[in-house]
Amino acid sequence: MISISHKTKQFLVLLVKLLIVGGAFYFIYNQLANNDKLDWQKFLILFHKNQSVLGIGFILLLSILNRLFEILKWKYLVLFLKPISLAEATKQVLAGLTAGLFTPNGVGEYAGKALYFDKKEAKKVVFLNLICNGIQMILTVAFGIFGLLYFNAQYNVITTKTVVVLFGVLVIVFAVLFSAKKITIKGYSIEKLIHKINEIPKSIHQKNTYLAILRYLVFSHQYYFLFLAFDVDMPYLILISAISSVYFLASSLPTFQFLDFAVKGSVAVYFFGILGVNEWVVVFVTTLMWFLNVVLPVTIGSYYVLNFAPLPPKGEISNLKE
């Protein structure tokens, strides 16, 4: 095996840190500076018209709560391995978010969190992160389906026949998955996955679910209040059903975190276009959601990435003690 000196390792780690942080900020700047659909003049006019310290503070509070609930979810899930402080959970979540910014579907987040644990626990950390994100996806799908059905009942986006066909396909998929739960592929099966999930205490699953529901309610209503701030005056159920539909359909598409607002924006333009909302308003609200819930946390997470110190192997730890 090729041995790498300690100084070389330090240099490589620093290089990776700089690439992650530099790449993150490049993609953020690129999306904000080169998006021709963002009419900043209209935004500034509306901002000066409706600006409110209380309103801005409320929107920022929702962003803090959104990320706080995610941090608490991770803190409680990691109890299955070992207890960690809220500060440590914050560090791991924000650093993971930064690492996953320009990877497909935020895959880098899994690796980013795993680096804070011993190598032998890496698979368990990845599995816990899957549980953490999985419950959020399930809720997004559940709320999204109800929202889409309600929205469709009001505006007939798709025919009743299509809805029945889609529902039938979902039933068939779940039936196939249930009947094939014992089929093993490369040592893995649905039955084993369920067994692994059941190994985690029910109290942890309950907290994870409650916090995931709270997080969904927070970011969906932040979206709602931003539309109100942009003078979009529509019935609550119509707006919230459109929002849940956008999140459901946008989350179903494979994408990169840094393109998340562009994907959600294109889906949102379609749905809110049906409601008669100006395209520039939809693009701005979606961009603000992305800025408040991704860009700001990534900015903080960049600090943790730059200050990250990899755990030395156990052999090296014993040598340091000597």
Protein backbone atom coordinates (compact mmCIF):
# COMPACT_ATOMS: atom_id res chain seq x y z
CA MET A 1 0.00 0.00 0.00
CA ILE A 2 1.12 3.58 -0.71
CA SER A 3 1.70 5.47 2.53
CA ILE A 4 0.79 9.15 2.70
CA SER A 5 2.60 11.48 5.06
CA HIS A 6 0.72 13.41 7.73
CA LYS A 7 1.40 16.76 6.01
CA THR A 8 0.12 15.40 2.69
CA LYS A 9 -3.06 14.18 4.39
CA GLN A 10 -3.55 17.62 5.96
CA PHE A 11 -3.08 19.29 2.57
CA LEU A 12 -5.56 16.94 0.87
CA VAL A 13 -8.15 17.49 3.61
CA LEU A 14 -7.72 21.27 3.29
CA LEU A 15 -8.05 21.02 -0.49
CA VAL A 16 -11.30 19.03 -0.20
CA LYS A 17 -12.66 21.57 2.31
CA LEU A 18 -11.86 24.48 0.01
CA LEU A 19 -13.39 22.67 -2.99
CA ILE A 20 -16.62 21.98 -1.07
CA VAL A 21 -16.99 25.52 0.29
CA GLY A 22 -15.77 27.20 -2.92
CA GLY A 23 -18.07 25.05 -5.05
CA ALA A 24 -21.03 25.75 -2.77
CA PHE A 25 -20.63 29.53 -2.96
CA TYR A 26 -19.93 29.45 -6.71
CA PHE A 27 -23.20 27.63 -7.39
CA ILE A 28 -25.11 29.98 -5.06
CA TYR A 29 -23.69 33.09 -6.75
CA ASN A 30 -24.26 31.64 -10.21
CA GLN A 31 -27.93 30.93 -9.56
CA LEU A 32 -28.64 34.34 -8.03
CA ALA A 33 -26.60 36.46 -10.45
CA ASN A 34 -27.48 34.75 -13.75
CA ASN A 35 -31.21 34.09 -13.32
CA ASP A 36 -32.90 36.42 -15.82
CA LYS A 37 -36.33 35.69 -14.31
CA LEU A 38 -35.42 37.53 -11.09
CA ASP A 39 -36.66 41.10 -11.50
CA TRP A 40 -34.89 42.79 -8.58
CA GLN A 41 -36.46 46.19 -9.35
CA LYS A 42 -39.99 44.84 -8.88
CA PHE A 43 -38.87 43.05 -5.74
CA LEU A 44 -37.39 46.23 -4.21
CA ILE A 45 -40.54 48.23 -5.01
CA LEU A 46 -42.75 45.61 -3.34
CA PHE A 47 -40.31 45.24 -0.44
CA HIS A 48 -40.35 48.98 0.33
CA LYS A 49 -44.13 48.94 0.09
CA ASN A 50 -44.72 45.99 2.43
CA GLN A 51 -41.56 46.00 4.55
CA SER A 52 -42.12 45.18 8.21
CA VAL A 53 -39.51 44.40 10.85
CA LEU A 54 -41.99 42.09 12.54
CA GLY A 55 -42.81 40.33 9.26
CA ILE A 56 -39.15 39.85 8.32
CA GLY A 57 -38.40 38.58 11.83
CA PHE A 58 -41.30 36.11 11.59
CA ILE A 59 -40.10 34.72 8.25
CA LEU A 60 -36.54 34.37 9.61
CA LEU A 61 -37.91 32.64 12.72
CA LEU A 62 -39.63 30.06 10.50
CA SER A 63 -36.29 29.37 8.76
CA ILE A 64 -34.61 28.89 12.14
CA LEU A 65 -37.39 26.54 13.29
CA ASN A 66 -37.22 24.60 10.02
CA ARG A 67 -33.53 23.85 10.49
CA LEU A 68 -33.86 23.42 14.29
CA PHE A 69 -36.44 20.65 13.86
CA GLU A 70 -34.09 18.92 11.41
CA ILE A 71 -31.21 19.21 13.90
CA LEU A 72 -33.38 17.82 16.72
CA LYS A 73 -34.44 14.92 14.49
CA TRP A 74 -30.79 14.05 13.93
CA LYS A 75 -29.88 14.49 17.61
CA TYR A 76 -32.56 12.04 18.73
CA LEU A 77 -31.83 9.50 15.96
CA VAL A 78 -28.11 9.44 16.83
CA LEU A 79 -29.08 8.44 20.38
CA PHE A 80 -29.32 4.96 18.88
CA LEU A 81 -25.50 5.09 18.56
CA LYS A 82 -24.44 7.57 21.24
CA PRO A 83 -25.70 10.78 22.83
CA ILE A 84 -24.55 14.03 21.20
CA SER A 85 -25.13 17.64 22.23
CA LEU A 86 -27.37 20.07 20.34
CA ALA A 87 -24.25 21.98 19.27
CA GLU A 88 -22.67 18.80 17.86
CA ALA A 89 -25.89 17.87 16.06
CA THR A 90 -26.02 21.39 14.59
CA LYS A 91 -22.45 21.05 13.35
CA GLN A 92 -23.11 17.68 11.70
CA VAL A 93 -26.39 18.71 10.04
CA LEU A 94 -25.11 22.02 8.63
CA ALA A 95 -21.78 20.55 7.50
CA GLY A 96 -23.67 17.67 5.85
CA LEU A 97 -26.01 20.13 4.11
CA THR A 98 -22.99 22.03 2.74
CA ALA A 99 -21.29 18.83 1.55
CA GLY A 100 -24.48 17.71 -0.18
CA LEU A 101 -25.19 21.01 -1.95
CA PHE A 102 -23.82 19.99 -5.36
CA THR A 103 -24.26 16.22 -5.21
CA PRO A 104 -27.26 14.39 -6.76
CA ASN A 105 -30.21 14.44 -4.31
CA GLY A 106 -27.86 15.58 -1.53
CA VAL A 107 -25.94 12.28 -1.40
CA GLY A 108 -22.91 14.16 -0.06
CA GLU A 109 -24.88 14.86 3.12
CA TYR A 110 -24.63 11.18 4.08
CA ALA A 111 -20.86 11.16 3.70
CA GLY A 112 -20.56 14.55 5.43
CA LYS A 113 -22.30 13.29 8.58
CA ALA A 114 -20.51 9.94 8.55
CA LEU A 115 -17.12 11.69 8.76
CA TYR A 116 -17.94 12.81 12.31
CA PHE A 117 -18.14 9.20 13.48
CA ASP A 118 -15.80 6.24 13.68
CA LYS A 119 -15.43 4.34 10.39
CA LYS A 120 -17.02 1.20 11.84
CA GLU A 121 -20.21 3.21 12.51
CA ALA A 122 -20.37 4.70 8.97
CA LYS A 123 -23.05 2.28 7.69
CA LYS A 124 -25.21 2.90 10.77
CA VAL A 125 -24.87 6.68 10.35
CA VAL A 126 -25.87 6.45 6.69
CA PHE A 127 -28.84 4.27 7.67
CA LEU A 128 -29.95 6.76 10.37
CA ASN A 129 -29.69 9.61 7.88
CA LEU A 130 -31.84 7.55 5.50
CA ILE A 131 -34.45 7.22 8.27
CA CYS A 132 -34.17 10.96 9.00
CA ASN A 133 -34.78 11.94 5.36
CA GLY A 134 -37.15 9.05 4.69
CA ILE A 135 -39.85 10.14 7.12
CA GLN A 136 -39.71 13.66 5.67
CA MET A 137 -40.17 12.26 2.16
CA ILE A 138 -43.10 10.07 3.27
CA LEU A 139 -44.84 13.11 4.76
CA THR A 140 -44.12 15.16 1.62
CA VAL A 141 -45.72 12.42 -0.49
CA ALA A 142 -48.71 11.98 1.86
CA PHE A 143 -49.52 15.69 2.19
CA GLY A 144 -48.70 16.19 -1.48
CA ILE A 145 -51.17 13.56 -2.68
CA PHE A 146 -53.99 15.07 -0.60
CA GLY A 147 -53.03 18.55 -1.79
CA LEU A 148 -52.88 17.44 -5.42
CA LEU A 149 -56.28 15.74 -5.17
CA TYR A 150 -57.85 18.85 -3.64
CA PHE A 151 -56.21 21.16 -6.18
CA ASN A 152 -57.31 18.88 -9.02
CA ALA A 153 -60.88 18.81 -7.70
CA GLN A 154 -60.97 22.61 -7.96
CA TYR A 155 -59.15 23.11 -11.27
CA ASN A 156 -59.32 19.74 -13.12
CA VAL A 157 -55.62 19.63 -13.99
CA ILE A 158 -55.91 15.91 -14.77
CA THR A 159 -59.01 13.82 -15.48
CA THR A 160 -60.72 11.61 -12.90
CA LYS A 161 -59.79 8.57 -15.00
CA THR A 162 -56.09 9.51 -14.79
CA VAL A 163 -56.36 9.91 -11.00
CA VAL A 164 -57.91 6.42 -10.70
CA VAL A 165 -55.18 4.92 -12.91
CA LEU A 166 -52.41 6.57 -10.87
CA PHE A 167 -53.98 5.37 -7.62
CA GLY A 168 -54.24 1.85 -9.06
CA VAL A 169 -50.57 1.91 -10.04
CA LEU A 170 -49.60 2.96 -6.49
CA VAL A 171 -51.66 0.11 -5.01
CA ILE A 172 -49.99 -2.39 -7.36
CA VAL A 173 -46.51 -1.08 -6.51
CA PHE A 174 -47.13 -1.39 -2.76
CA ALA A 175 -48.63 -4.87 -3.23
CA VAL A 176 -45.56 -6.01 -5.22
CA LEU A 177 -43.18 -4.55 -2.63
CA PHE A 178 -45.06 -6.28 0.20
CA SER A 179 -45.13 -9.66 -1.57
CA ALA A 180 -41.45 -9.36 -2.52
CA LYS A 181 -40.21 -8.32 0.91
CA LYS A 182 -38.29 -11.61 1.38
CA ILE A 183 -36.49 -11.39 -1.97
CA THR A 184 -32.80 -10.73 -1.29
CA ILE A 185 -30.58 -8.63 -3.58
CA LYS A 186 -26.87 -8.61 -2.67
CA GLY A 187 -27.72 -9.54 0.91
CA TYR A 188 -30.42 -6.86 1.31
CA SER A 189 -34.20 -7.26 1.38
CA ILE A 190 -37.24 -5.22 2.42
CA GLU A 191 -37.78 -7.63 5.31
CA LYS A 192 -34.23 -6.99 6.60
CA LEU A 193 -34.74 -3.26 6.18
CA ILE A 194 -37.94 -3.41 8.25
CA HIS A 195 -36.09 -5.46 10.88
CA LYS A 196 -33.31 -2.84 11.03
CA ILE A 197 -35.88 -0.06 11.39
CA ASN A 198 -37.59 -1.94 14.23
CA GLU A 199 -34.26 -2.17 16.07
CA ILE A 200 -34.48 1.57 16.69
CA PRO A 201 -36.60 2.26 19.84
CA LYS A 202 -40.19 3.36 19.21
CA SER A 203 -39.67 6.50 21.29
CA ILE A 204 -36.99 7.66 18.82
CA HIS A 205 -39.27 6.93 15.85
CA GLN A 206 -42.10 8.88 17.51
CA LYS A 207 -39.91 11.94 18.11
CA ASN A 208 -38.59 11.72 14.56
CA THR A 209 -42.15 11.63 13.17
CA TYR A 210 -43.46 14.48 15.34
CA LEU A 211 -40.49 16.70 14.46
CA ALA A 212 -40.84 15.83 10.76
CA ILE A 213 -44.52 16.88 10.85
CA LEU A 214 -43.63 20.14 12.58
CA ARG A 215 -40.87 20.79 10.05
CA TYR A 216 -43.23 20.18 7.13
CA LEU A 217 -45.83 22.53 8.59
CA VAL A 218 -43.17 25.21 9.16
CA PHE A 219 -41.62 25.28 5.68
CA SER A 220 -44.94 24.88 3.84
CA HIS A 221 -46.46 27.76 5.80
CA GLN A 222 -43.33 29.87 5.32
CA TYR A 223 -44.01 29.46 1.60
CA TYR A 224 -47.65 30.47 2.25
CA PHE A 225 -46.77 33.60 4.26
CA LEU A 226 -44.25 34.71 1.62
CA PHE A 227 -47.00 34.59 -1.01
CA LEU A 228 -49.16 36.73 1.29
CA ALA A 229 -46.26 39.18 1.62
CA PHE A 230 -46.17 39.41 -2.20
CA ASP A 231 -49.88 40.41 -2.24
CA VAL A 232 -51.14 37.00 -3.39
CA ASP A 233 -54.61 36.94 -1.80
CA MET A 234 -56.28 33.55 -2.22
CA PRO A 235 -58.18 31.09 -0.02
CA TYR A 236 -55.93 29.23 2.42
CA LEU A 237 -56.80 25.72 1.20
CA ILE A 238 -56.13 26.60 -2.45
CA LEU A 239 -52.71 28.09 -1.68
CA ILE A 240 -51.61 25.37 0.72
CA SER A 241 -52.80 22.60 -1.64
CA ALA A 242 -50.77 24.17 -4.47
CA ILE A 243 -47.72 24.42 -2.19
CA SER A 244 -47.98 20.79 -1.04
CA SER A 245 -48.41 19.69 -4.68
CA VAL A 246 -45.29 21.61 -5.72
CA TYR A 247 -43.20 20.05 -2.94
CA PHE A 248 -44.51 16.59 -3.75
CA LEU A 249 -43.83 16.74 -7.49
CA ALA A 250 -40.51 18.62 -7.19
CA SER A 251 -39.23 16.16 -4.55
CA SER A 252 -40.03 13.25 -6.88
CA LEU A 253 -37.55 14.55 -9.48
CA PRO A 254 -33.84 13.66 -9.18
CA THR A 255 -31.87 16.89 -8.85
CA PHE A 256 -28.99 18.69 -7.15
CA GLN A 257 -29.49 20.78 -4.00
CA PHE A 258 -28.15 23.90 -5.70
CA LEU A 259 -30.78 23.44 -8.46
CA ASP A 260 -33.55 22.74 -5.96
CA PHE A 261 -35.14 26.19 -6.23
CA ALA A 262 -35.00 26.04 -10.04
CA VAL A 263 -36.85 22.69 -10.09
CA LYS A 264 -39.40 23.80 -7.49
CA GLY A 265 -39.68 27.13 -9.30
CA SER A 266 -40.58 25.54 -12.64
CA VAL A 267 -43.20 23.29 -11.01
CA ALA A 268 -44.52 26.22 -8.95
CA VAL A 269 -44.81 28.45 -12.04
CA TYR A 270 -47.12 25.83 -13.60
CA PHE A 271 -49.39 25.42 -10.55
CA PHE A 272 -49.55 29.07 -9.55
CA GLY A 273 -49.93 30.03 -13.20
CA ILE A 274 -53.25 28.17 -13.10
CA LEU A 275 -54.18 30.39 -10.14
CA GLY A 276 -53.24 33.50 -12.12
CA VAL A 277 -50.19 34.45 -10.02
CA ASN A 278 -47.51 36.44 -11.87
CA GLU A 279 -44.50 34.33 -12.84
CA TRP A 280 -41.97 36.76 -11.35
CA VAL A 281 -43.71 36.53 -7.95
CA VAL A 282 -43.56 32.73 -8.01
CA VAL A 283 -39.87 32.76 -9.00
CA PHE A 284 -39.01 35.27 -6.27
CA VAL A 285 -40.90 33.42 -3.52
CA THR A 286 -39.26 30.13 -4.52
CA THR A 287 -35.83 31.79 -4.63
CA LEU A 288 -36.35 33.36 -1.20
CA MET A 289 -37.34 29.96 0.21
CA TRP A 290 -34.14 28.52 -1.24
CA PHE A 291 -32.06 31.42 0.09
CA LEU A 292 -33.53 31.27 3.60
CA ASN A 293 -33.53 27.49 4.00
CA VAL A 294 -30.47 26.44 1.98
CA VAL A 295 -28.10 29.35 1.35
CA LEU A 296 -28.07 30.73 4.92
CA PRO A 297 -27.57 27.30 6.56
CA VAL A 298 -24.87 26.45 3.99
CA THR A 299 -23.08 29.70 4.84
CA ILE A 300 -22.94 28.63 8.49
CA GLY A 301 -22.17 25.04 7.51
CA SER A 302 -19.16 26.25 5.51
CA TYR A 303 -17.56 27.36 8.78
CA TYR A 304 -17.95 23.83 10.18
CA VAL A 305 -16.58 22.29 6.98
CA LEU A 306 -13.48 24.50 7.07
CA ASN A 307 -12.92 23.68 10.74
CA PHE A 308 -13.56 19.96 10.33
CA ALA A 309 -10.83 17.74 11.75
CA PRO A 310 -11.08 14.07 10.65
CA LEU A 311 -11.03 11.47 13.39
CA PRO A 312 -7.61 9.75 13.47
CA PRO A 313 -7.50 5.94 13.34
CA LYS A 314 -7.39 4.19 16.72
CA GLY A 315 -3.73 3.29 16.21
CA GLU A 316 -2.84 6.94 15.73
CA ILE A 317 -4.84 7.91 18.83
CA SER A 318 -2.81 5.46 20.96
CA ASN A 319 0.42 6.82 19.47
CA LEU A 320 -0.61 10.36 20.35
CA LYS A 321 -1.28 9.29 23.93
CA GLU A 322 2.20 7.79 24.16
